[in-house]
Protein backbone atom coordinates (compact mmCIF):
# COMPACT_ATOMS: atom_id res chain seq x y z
CA MET A 1 0.00 0.00 0.00
CA ALA A 2 1.18 3.53 -0.71
CA VAL A 3 2.31 5.49 2.36
CA GLY A 4 0.91 9.02 2.34
CA LEU A 5 0.52 9.04 -1.43
CA GLY A 6 -2.87 10.24 -2.56
CA PRO A 7 -4.48 11.28 -5.85
CA LEU A 8 -2.39 13.13 -8.40
CA PRO A 9 -2.09 16.88 -7.83
CA THR A 10 -2.96 19.35 -10.57
CA LEU A 11 -0.53 18.73 -13.44
CA TYR A 12 -0.22 21.92 -15.46
CA PRO A 13 0.17 21.54 -19.23
CA VAL A 14 3.57 22.59 -20.55
CA PRO A 15 3.29 24.60 -23.78
CA GLY A 16 5.09 22.75 -26.56
CA PHE A 17 4.84 19.31 -24.94
CA GLU A 18 2.13 16.73 -25.67
CA LEU A 19 1.44 13.19 -24.51
CA GLY A 20 -0.56 10.36 -26.10
CA ILE A 21 -1.47 6.98 -24.62
CA ALA A 22 -2.52 3.71 -26.27
CA SER A 23 -2.93 0.01 -25.57
CA ALA A 24 -0.63 -2.54 -27.18
CA GLY A 25 -1.59 -5.44 -24.91
CA ILE A 26 2.06 -6.23 -24.19
CA LYS A 27 1.45 -7.98 -20.88
CA ARG A 28 -2.30 -7.74 -20.49
CA PRO A 29 -5.01 -7.12 -23.12
CA GLY A 30 -6.56 -3.68 -22.93
CA ARG A 31 -3.95 -2.17 -20.62
CA LYS A 32 -2.64 1.28 -21.54
CA ASP A 33 1.03 0.44 -22.02
CA VAL A 34 2.39 2.68 -24.78
CA VAL A 35 3.03 6.39 -24.22
CA VAL A 36 4.25 8.80 -26.89
CA MET A 37 5.50 12.27 -25.92
CA ARG A 38 6.05 15.00 -28.49
CA CYS A 39 8.39 17.97 -28.00
CA THR A 40 7.94 21.05 -30.13
CA GLU A 41 10.63 21.71 -32.72
CA GLY A 42 13.61 23.49 -31.18
CA SER A 43 13.24 21.89 -27.76
CA THR A 44 16.35 20.96 -25.81
CA VAL A 45 16.47 17.59 -24.05
CA ALA A 46 18.68 16.26 -21.25
CA GLY A 47 18.88 12.77 -19.81
CA VAL A 48 20.48 10.75 -17.04
CA PHE A 49 20.69 7.00 -17.37
CA THR A 50 21.39 3.85 -15.39
CA LEU A 51 24.96 2.89 -14.61
CA ASN A 52 24.03 -0.80 -14.67
CA ALA A 53 26.43 -2.56 -17.08
CA PHE A 54 23.50 -4.61 -18.41
CA CYS A 55 21.68 -1.46 -19.47
CA ALA A 56 18.68 -2.09 -21.68
CA ALA A 57 18.66 -1.65 -25.45
CA PRO A 58 16.47 1.49 -25.30
CA VAL A 59 18.92 3.07 -22.83
CA VAL A 60 21.76 2.50 -25.29
CA LEU A 61 19.85 4.20 -28.10
CA ALA A 62 18.52 7.05 -25.96
CA LYS A 63 22.03 7.86 -24.69
CA GLN A 64 23.28 8.03 -28.28
CA ARG A 65 20.50 10.33 -29.46
CA VAL A 66 19.70 12.61 -26.51
CA GLN A 67 21.95 15.49 -27.53
CA GLY A 68 20.50 15.63 -31.02
CA SER A 69 17.29 17.19 -32.29
CA VAL A 70 14.81 15.20 -30.19
CA ARG A 71 11.11 15.37 -31.10
CA TYR A 72 9.52 12.21 -29.66
CA LEU A 73 9.88 10.00 -26.58
CA LEU A 74 8.43 6.49 -26.95
CA THR A 75 7.75 4.42 -23.82
CA ASN A 76 6.40 0.91 -23.45
CA THR A 77 5.67 -1.00 -20.25
CA GLY A 78 5.41 -4.75 -19.70
CA ASN A 79 8.74 -5.52 -21.36
CA ALA A 80 12.15 -4.07 -20.43
CA ASN A 81 13.95 -5.05 -23.64
CA ALA A 82 16.98 -5.68 -21.40
CA GLY A 83 19.32 -8.65 -21.60
CA THR A 84 18.24 -9.04 -25.21
CA GLY A 85 21.56 -8.40 -27.00
CA GLU A 86 21.76 -7.25 -30.61
CA PRO A 87 18.17 -8.34 -31.42
CA GLY A 88 16.98 -6.02 -28.63
CA LEU A 89 18.85 -3.07 -30.13
CA LEU A 90 17.34 -3.80 -33.54
CA ALA A 91 13.87 -4.09 -32.00
CA ALA A 92 14.17 -0.75 -30.19
CA ALA A 93 15.45 0.92 -33.36
CA ARG A 94 12.60 -0.59 -35.35
CA THR A 95 9.90 0.85 -33.07
CA CYS A 96 11.60 4.25 -33.25
CA ALA A 97 11.78 4.04 -37.04
CA ARG A 98 8.08 3.25 -37.30
CA LEU A 99 7.13 6.17 -35.04
CA ALA A 100 9.44 8.46 -37.02
CA GLU A 101 7.80 7.34 -40.27
CA LEU A 102 4.31 8.02 -38.91
CA ALA A 103 5.32 11.39 -37.46
CA GLY A 104 7.38 12.54 -40.43
CA VAL A 105 10.65 13.05 -38.54
CA ASP A 106 14.12 11.55 -38.71
CA GLU A 107 14.56 8.27 -36.83
CA SER A 108 17.28 9.86 -34.68
CA ALA A 109 14.68 12.29 -33.31
CA VAL A 110 12.92 9.45 -31.43
CA LEU A 111 14.16 8.21 -28.05
CA PRO A 112 12.95 4.79 -26.81
CA PHE A 113 12.20 3.79 -23.21
CA SER A 114 11.04 0.43 -21.86
CA THR A 115 10.16 -1.02 -18.47
CA GLY A 116 8.96 -4.44 -17.37
CA VAL A 117 10.27 -8.00 -17.47
CA ILE A 118 13.98 -8.43 -18.27
CA GLY A 119 15.17 -10.95 -20.84
CA GLU A 120 12.06 -11.22 -23.00
CA PRO A 121 12.01 -10.21 -26.70
CA LEU A 122 10.31 -6.88 -27.32
CA PRO A 123 6.90 -7.42 -28.99
CA VAL A 124 7.64 -5.00 -31.81
CA GLU A 125 4.51 -5.69 -33.84
CA LYS A 126 2.22 -4.96 -30.89
CA ILE A 127 3.96 -1.65 -30.19
CA GLU A 128 3.93 -0.63 -33.85
CA ALA A 129 0.22 -1.40 -34.07
CA ALA A 130 -0.49 0.92 -31.11
CA LEU A 131 1.48 3.91 -32.41
CA PRO A 132 -1.25 5.48 -34.60
CA ALA A 133 -3.65 5.54 -31.64
CA ALA A 134 -1.00 7.07 -29.38
CA LEU A 135 -0.27 9.79 -31.94
CA ALA A 136 -3.96 10.52 -32.39
CA ASP A 137 -4.28 10.89 -28.62
CA LEU A 138 -1.53 13.53 -28.29
CA ALA A 139 -2.64 16.41 -26.06
CA SER A 140 -0.95 18.83 -23.68
CA ASP A 141 -3.29 17.94 -20.81
CA ASN A 142 -2.64 14.17 -20.92
CA TRP A 143 -0.11 14.09 -18.07
CA ALA A 144 -2.36 12.15 -15.68
CA ALA A 145 -3.20 9.49 -18.26
CA ALA A 146 0.48 9.18 -19.18
CA ALA A 147 1.40 8.75 -15.50
CA GLU A 148 -0.88 5.69 -15.46
CA GLY A 149 0.41 4.47 -18.81
CA ILE A 150 4.02 4.14 -17.59
CA MET A 151 3.14 2.16 -14.42
CA THR A 152 4.24 -1.43 -13.80
CA THR A 153 3.98 -2.67 -10.20
CA ASP A 154 3.08 0.84 -9.06
CA THR A 155 -0.21 1.05 -7.17
CA LEU A 156 -0.76 4.74 -7.93
CA PRO A 157 0.36 7.14 -10.67
CA LYS A 158 2.99 9.71 -9.68
CA GLY A 159 3.16 13.32 -10.81
CA ALA A 160 4.20 16.78 -9.65
CA SER A 161 3.86 20.26 -11.06
CA CYS A 162 4.63 23.86 -10.17
CA GLN A 163 4.59 27.31 -11.75
CA PHE A 164 6.29 30.62 -11.11
CA VAL A 165 6.11 34.06 -12.71
CA HIS A 166 9.21 35.84 -14.00
CA ASP A 167 8.98 39.29 -15.62
CA GLY A 168 5.25 38.78 -16.02
CA VAL A 169 5.65 35.41 -17.78
CA THR A 170 4.42 32.16 -16.21
CA ILE A 171 6.92 29.30 -16.32
CA THR A 172 5.63 25.74 -15.84
CA VAL A 173 7.51 22.63 -14.67
CA THR A 174 5.56 19.34 -14.74
CA GLY A 175 6.72 15.76 -14.39
CA ILE A 176 5.67 12.14 -13.96
CA SER A 177 7.57 9.09 -12.77
CA LYS A 178 7.15 5.37 -12.26
CA GLY A 179 8.83 2.91 -9.97
CA ALA A 180 8.02 0.77 -6.96
CA GLY A 181 10.65 -1.99 -6.95
CA MET A 182 14.21 -2.59 -8.17
CA ILE A 183 14.89 0.88 -6.84
CA ARG A 184 18.28 2.19 -5.98
CA PRO A 185 18.70 4.57 -8.87
CA ASN A 186 22.33 4.99 -9.80
CA MET A 187 21.68 8.14 -11.77
CA ALA A 188 17.95 8.85 -11.71
CA THR A 189 14.83 6.74 -11.28
CA MET A 190 13.13 3.84 -12.98
CA LEU A 191 11.49 6.20 -15.47
CA GLY A 192 10.94 9.92 -15.06
CA TYR A 193 9.88 12.67 -17.44
CA ILE A 194 9.94 16.37 -16.60
CA ALA A 195 9.14 19.23 -18.99
CA THR A 196 9.28 23.00 -18.79
CA ASP A 197 8.44 25.77 -21.26
CA ALA A 198 11.57 27.72 -20.33
CA LYS A 199 14.22 28.05 -23.03
CA VAL A 200 17.48 26.47 -21.83
CA ALA A 201 20.71 25.68 -23.63
CA GLN A 202 21.34 21.94 -23.70
CA PRO A 203 24.57 21.90 -21.64
CA VAL A 204 22.90 23.99 -18.92
CA LEU A 205 19.84 21.74 -19.00
CA GLN A 206 22.01 18.63 -18.69
CA ASP A 207 23.84 19.99 -15.64
CA LEU A 208 20.55 21.08 -14.09
CA LEU A 209 19.05 17.61 -14.46
CA ARG A 210 22.17 15.91 -13.14
CA ASP A 211 22.18 18.15 -10.05
CA ALA A 212 18.45 17.64 -9.48
CA ALA A 213 18.73 13.86 -9.84
CA ASN A 214 21.64 13.69 -7.42
CA LYS A 215 19.58 15.36 -4.68
CA SER A 216 16.34 13.49 -5.34
CA PHE A 217 16.26 10.32 -7.44
CA ASN A 218 19.79 9.39 -6.40
CA ARG A 219 18.82 9.65 -2.75
CA ILE A 220 16.08 7.01 -2.69
CA THR A 221 16.20 3.26 -2.25
CA ILE A 222 13.59 0.57 -1.79
CA ASP A 223 15.54 -2.66 -2.19
CA GLY A 224 19.06 -1.62 -3.17
CA ASP A 225 18.71 -2.91 -6.74
CA THR A 226 19.72 -0.66 -9.64
CA SER A 227 17.53 -1.31 -12.67
CA THR A 228 18.80 -1.99 -16.17
CA ASN A 229 16.34 0.60 -17.50
CA ASP A 230 16.62 3.68 -15.27
CA CYS A 231 16.15 6.91 -17.20
CA CYS A 232 15.11 10.44 -16.29
CA MET A 233 14.53 13.07 -18.96
CA LEU A 234 14.21 16.85 -18.76
CA VAL A 235 12.72 18.69 -21.74
CA ALA A 236 12.79 22.47 -22.23
CA THR A 237 10.40 23.49 -25.02
CA GLY A 238 11.38 27.17 -25.08
CA ARG A 239 7.80 28.31 -25.62
CA ALA A 240 7.84 30.83 -22.75
CA ALA A 241 8.45 34.39 -23.97
CA LEU A 242 11.69 34.83 -22.05
CA PRO A 243 15.38 34.89 -23.05
CA GLU A 244 17.27 31.62 -23.35
CA ILE A 245 19.10 30.52 -20.21
CA ARG A 246 22.65 30.04 -21.45
CA ALA A 247 24.50 29.81 -18.14
CA ALA A 248 23.81 28.58 -14.62
CA GLU A 249 23.43 32.08 -13.24
CA GLY A 250 20.89 34.84 -12.76
CA GLU A 251 17.47 35.03 -11.14
CA LEU A 252 15.59 33.16 -13.89
CA PHE A 253 17.95 30.19 -13.72
CA ALA A 254 17.82 30.15 -9.90
CA ARG A 255 14.02 30.07 -9.90
CA LEU A 256 13.88 27.40 -12.59
CA LYS A 257 16.40 25.32 -10.64
CA ARG A 258 14.26 25.53 -7.51
CA ALA A 259 11.19 24.46 -9.48
CA VAL A 260 12.94 21.50 -11.15
CA PHE A 261 14.40 20.42 -7.79
CA GLU A 262 10.94 20.66 -6.18
CA VAL A 263 9.27 18.54 -8.85
CA SER A 264 12.13 16.02 -8.85
CA MET A 265 11.95 15.64 -5.08
CA GLU A 266 8.18 15.09 -5.11
CA LEU A 267 8.48 12.48 -7.84
CA ALA A 268 11.36 10.68 -6.12
CA GLN A 269 9.65 10.56 -2.75
CA ALA A 270 6.43 9.36 -4.40
CA ILE A 271 8.35 6.32 -5.68
CA VAL A 272 9.43 5.47 -2.13
CA ARG A 273 5.93 6.04 -0.75
CA ASP A 274 4.66 3.54 -3.32
CA GLY A 275 7.46 1.04 -2.72
CA GLU A 276 6.45 -2.58 -3.27
CA GLY A 277 4.73 -3.79 -0.11
CA ALA A 278 5.79 -0.65 1.80
CA THR A 279 3.99 0.23 5.03
CA LYS A 280 6.53 2.84 6.24
CA PHE A 281 8.14 5.91 4.66
CA VAL A 282 11.54 6.32 6.26
CA THR A 283 13.87 9.32 6.22
CA VAL A 284 17.48 8.52 7.08
CA GLN A 285 19.41 11.69 7.87
CA VAL A 286 23.15 11.56 8.51
CA ASN A 287 24.81 14.69 9.91
CA GLY A 288 28.31 15.58 11.00
CA GLY A 289 30.23 13.65 8.40
CA ALA A 290 33.74 14.53 7.32
CA THR A 291 32.64 14.05 3.69
CA HIS A 292 29.35 13.74 1.86
CA GLN A 293 30.33 10.27 0.67
CA GLU A 294 30.75 8.89 4.17
CA CYS A 295 27.34 10.32 5.08
CA LEU A 296 25.90 8.45 2.09
CA ASP A 297 27.78 5.27 3.03
CA VAL A 298 26.26 5.36 6.50
CA GLY A 299 22.81 6.28 5.22
CA TYR A 300 22.70 3.47 2.69
CA ALA A 301 24.09 0.94 5.19
CA VAL A 302 21.06 1.71 7.36
CA ALA A 303 18.56 2.01 4.50
CA HIS A 304 19.62 -1.30 2.90
CA SER A 305 19.84 -3.42 6.05
CA PRO A 306 17.23 -6.22 5.87
CA LEU A 307 17.35 -6.44 9.67
CA ILE A 308 16.50 -2.76 10.07
CA LYS A 309 13.88 -2.83 7.32
CA THR A 310 12.10 -5.83 8.84
CA ALA A 311 12.22 -4.19 12.28
CA LEU A 312 10.58 -1.13 10.73
CA PHE A 313 7.84 -3.33 9.29
CA ALA A 314 7.27 -4.92 12.71
CA SER A 315 7.39 -1.52 14.49
CA ASP A 316 10.15 -3.03 16.64
CA PRO A 317 12.59 -0.42 18.05
CA ASN A 318 15.55 -2.78 17.81
CA TRP A 319 18.03 0.10 17.79
CA GLY A 320 21.08 -2.14 18.05
CA ARG A 321 20.60 -3.01 14.40
CA ILE A 322 21.07 0.66 13.50
CA LEU A 323 24.33 0.86 15.43
CA ALA A 324 25.56 -2.31 13.76
CA ALA A 325 24.79 -0.90 10.29
CA VAL A 326 26.58 2.37 11.06
CA GLY A 327 29.59 0.45 12.30
CA ARG A 328 29.93 -1.64 9.13
CA ALA A 329 29.48 1.28 6.71
CA GLY A 330 33.23 1.48 6.14
CA VAL A 331 33.82 4.97 7.51
CA PRO A 332 37.57 5.23 8.19
CA GLN A 333 38.66 5.72 11.81
CA LEU A 334 35.08 6.04 13.02
CA ASP A 335 34.95 7.10 16.68
CA VAL A 336 31.75 5.46 17.93
CA SER A 337 31.95 7.38 21.21
CA ARG A 338 30.95 10.54 19.29
CA ILE A 339 27.85 9.06 17.65
CA ASP A 340 24.29 9.92 18.65
CA VAL A 341 21.26 8.22 17.09
CA PHE A 342 17.65 9.40 17.13
CA LEU A 343 14.32 7.79 16.24
CA GLY A 344 12.17 10.79 15.45
CA ASP A 345 12.90 13.19 18.31
CA VAL A 346 13.80 10.36 20.69
CA CYS A 347 17.50 9.90 21.43
CA ILE A 348 18.09 6.15 21.46
CA ALA A 349 21.90 6.18 21.59
CA ARG A 350 24.21 8.80 23.07
CA GLN A 351 27.97 8.73 22.57
CA GLY A 352 27.83 5.23 21.13
CA GLY A 353 25.68 3.59 23.80
CA ARG A 354 22.08 3.45 24.95
CA ALA A 355 20.87 6.91 25.98
CA ALA A 356 20.16 7.16 29.71
CA THR A 357 16.79 8.78 29.05
CA TYR A 358 15.62 6.25 26.46
CA THR A 359 12.75 3.86 27.11
CA GLU A 360 11.42 1.05 24.95
CA GLU A 361 7.98 2.67 25.03
CA GLN A 362 9.37 5.84 23.42
CA GLY A 363 10.98 3.88 20.61
CA ALA A 364 7.91 1.73 20.02
CA ALA A 365 5.72 4.84 19.72
CA VAL A 366 7.92 6.27 16.97
CA MET A 367 8.19 2.97 15.11
CA ALA A 368 4.41 2.56 15.07
CA GLU A 369 4.05 5.68 12.90
CA PRO A 370 3.73 5.33 9.10
CA GLU A 371 6.44 7.97 8.60
CA ILE A 372 9.65 7.50 10.57
CA GLY A 373 12.83 9.53 10.85
CA ILE A 374 16.21 8.03 11.72
CA ARG A 375 18.85 10.66 12.45
CA ILE A 376 22.52 9.80 12.94
CA GLU A 377 25.02 12.36 14.25
CA LEU A 378 28.57 11.28 13.42
CA GLY A 379 30.41 14.15 15.10
CA ARG A 380 33.19 14.21 12.48
CA GLY A 381 32.54 17.32 10.38
CA ASP A 382 29.97 19.55 8.70
CA CYS A 383 28.62 17.35 5.89
CA SER A 384 25.05 16.02 5.81
CA GLU A 385 23.01 13.78 3.51
CA THR A 386 19.44 12.49 3.51
CA ILE A 387 18.11 9.24 2.02
CA TRP A 388 14.53 8.05 1.75
CA THR A 389 13.58 4.39 2.00
CA THR A 390 10.91 1.90 3.09
CA ASP A 391 10.40 -1.07 5.35
CA LEU A 392 10.53 -4.66 4.07
CA SER A 393 7.22 -6.49 4.29
CA HIS A 394 5.73 -9.87 3.43
CA ASP A 395 4.08 -8.25 0.41
CA TYR A 396 7.43 -7.21 -1.08
CA VAL A 397 8.48 -10.85 -1.20
CA LYS A 398 5.11 -11.91 -2.58
CA ILE A 399 5.04 -9.25 -5.31
CA ASN A 400 8.52 -10.13 -6.56
CA ALA A 401 8.08 -13.88 -6.20
CA GLU A 402 5.04 -13.68 -8.47
CA TYR A 403 6.20 -10.89 -10.80
CA ARG A 404 6.45 -13.06 -13.92
CA THR A 405 3.46 -15.26 -13.13
């Protein structure tokens, strides 16, 4: 069940960006599983992609084409087209070629994206057959339908949107994402798409997306698995009547950066809230590190620990498991006598040992909440990092044991 994740908020249309949804019946007859997105001519596009060595065929093609003149993004669910070798690359290219033919653009202007079961041949004919319907459905207000069309094991669609006014011109940033399992993005998320009508030079847009992903999508984990298909795209259509942003400076860039970061954070946290089988939304905050990397090492050691995650599911304040995870995180010359650990506002460990004021009842009360904070003070420096994760429930095992059946 989703933790604190309700209906989609208002998703503002982005001038110059349209979305169309169709059913190819890839995994289930009648399911909306093909999404086409169209960028107006002259748009700039940035992308961040999985670092998994077994990256899917569509990731390979999208990485090759993203800095070109991109006009269409083609997504299918139900089949990852990963672990498919050369035939997978040919299949991805073939679907792009067919969409390009129907849309009257060059094949290189189409980027493919896939999500679903790994190792199965892409059903090219089914996808091709659905493309005319997806093109006919293109509309700027189709964000909500597209958010449903890219879902796999997600229980709810995920979207975020914001607007701001600069020099009398309204700028919009809207995005959708999908993901609920195989989540420890090593660049971005399972799949994410964000668009704005600001005009941004491609190198600036690329750096903006990379920075936003590093503080949002790259700070979430559900099960510690990095997908073969992770992609996050940022499109700037340039339709807003404002000058092009050519450098990472000035008020307009600063406001756009805040908006992109806000949307990215909402989308990333929505993925965690909808984690497979999740009953808890957990914030792991690590302060006082000598470096940001050691804060991340400690945070992920806690967030990935099956013992901690199962204790969270059981609402069991077994705080010794947290200390054990911190201790094995690999921080050099870690002085445990300087470490304090908190569950919510309750200090459970002070200077490396059980806090004198702590009671089991206090810890149990915090652990019973659907949203839990774990704060670790290392006492080594001024660096801090925050990671968002979930508990580990019976349903997670059940969902993934039955994923292909």
